[in-house]
Protein backbone atom coordinates (compact mmCIF):
# COMPACT_ATOMS: atom_id res chain seq x y z
CA MET A 1 -1.85 -7.09 24.13
CA LEU A 2 -2.46 -4.53 27.67
CA GLU A 3 -5.49 -4.43 29.12
CA ASP A 4 -6.35 -2.00 32.32
CA TRP A 5 -8.94 -3.33 34.72
CA SER A 6 -12.03 -2.23 33.10
CA GLY A 7 -11.28 -4.00 30.79
CA ARG A 8 -10.02 -1.83 27.81
CA VAL A 9 -7.06 -3.34 25.50
CA ALA A 10 -4.20 -1.52 23.44
CA ALA A 11 -2.36 -4.56 21.46
CA VAL A 12 0.99 -3.96 19.76
CA GLU A 13 2.57 -6.07 16.97
CA VAL A 14 6.32 -5.36 15.44
CA LYS A 15 7.02 -5.38 11.83
CA LEU A 16 10.54 -5.95 10.80
CA ALA A 17 9.56 -4.11 7.81
CA ALA A 18 10.63 -0.43 6.85
CA SER A 19 7.51 -0.21 5.51
CA VAL A 20 3.42 -0.94 6.76
CA TYR A 21 0.43 -1.22 4.56
CA PRO A 22 -3.10 -2.07 5.27
CA HIS A 23 -2.89 -5.50 5.31
CA ASP A 24 0.09 -5.84 7.63
CA LEU A 25 -2.85 -4.99 10.66
CA LYS A 26 -5.09 -7.65 10.04
CA GLY A 27 -4.28 -9.45 13.04
CA LEU A 28 -4.96 -6.04 15.03
CA ALA A 29 -7.97 -5.22 12.93
CA SER A 30 -9.32 -8.62 13.30
CA LEU A 31 -9.04 -7.91 17.52
CA ARG A 32 -10.74 -4.88 17.45
CA GLY A 33 -13.92 -6.44 15.53
CA VAL A 34 -13.68 -8.91 18.23
CA LEU A 35 -13.36 -6.24 20.87
CA GLY A 36 -15.76 -3.80 20.12
CA ASP A 37 -15.41 -0.65 22.53
CA SER A 38 -13.03 -2.28 24.48
CA PHE A 39 -10.25 -2.20 21.68
CA VAL A 40 -8.43 0.91 22.57
CA ARG A 41 -6.03 1.64 20.14
CA GLY A 42 -3.78 -0.93 18.26
CA ALA A 43 -0.28 -0.09 16.84
CA VAL A 44 2.80 -2.07 14.50
CA ILE A 45 5.55 -0.47 15.21
CA TYR A 46 8.07 -0.43 12.49
CA LEU A 47 11.54 0.49 10.67
CA GLY A 48 10.43 3.24 8.91
CA ARG A 49 10.48 6.86 9.35
CA GLU A 50 6.90 8.29 9.47
CA PRO A 51 4.04 7.97 12.21
CA MET A 52 1.31 6.90 10.69
CA ALA A 53 -2.73 6.68 11.18
CA MET A 54 -3.45 2.89 10.12
CA GLY A 55 -7.39 3.42 10.31
CA ASP A 56 -9.75 3.13 13.42
CA ARG A 57 -7.62 2.85 16.71
CA LEU A 58 -4.72 1.58 13.97
CA PHE A 59 -1.40 3.23 14.30
CA ALA A 60 2.04 2.41 12.83
CA VAL A 61 4.66 3.78 14.84
CA PRO A 62 8.61 3.82 13.28
CA LEU A 63 10.59 2.35 16.27
CA GLY A 64 13.34 4.97 16.25
CA ALA A 65 10.10 6.79 17.68
CA VAL A 66 9.32 4.56 20.79
CA PHE A 67 13.03 4.67 21.86
CA ALA A 68 13.75 8.29 21.37
CA GLY A 69 10.66 9.43 23.40
CA THR A 70 8.97 11.35 20.05
CA PRO A 71 5.60 12.87 20.57
CA LEU A 72 3.42 11.06 18.49
CA GLY A 73 0.08 13.12 19.74
CA SER A 74 -1.20 14.77 16.15
CA VAL A 75 -1.22 10.43 14.89
CA LEU A 76 -1.93 8.88 17.74
């Protein structure tokens, strides 16, 4: 979890799996519910190949994209 000076929060989880399902983001979704508008974005980093939008301010990001510097602007 990262928080800036104004209280905005971004959170990251890492899953050792090639697939991500909505229930895999329940922790991030819960944090989003508690923080409300202060929650900017949540991401699950996983072993798959495709970046995916997973709901309101929630995303799945392939591990390879993190290290390759792959642009994810269309998803994030």
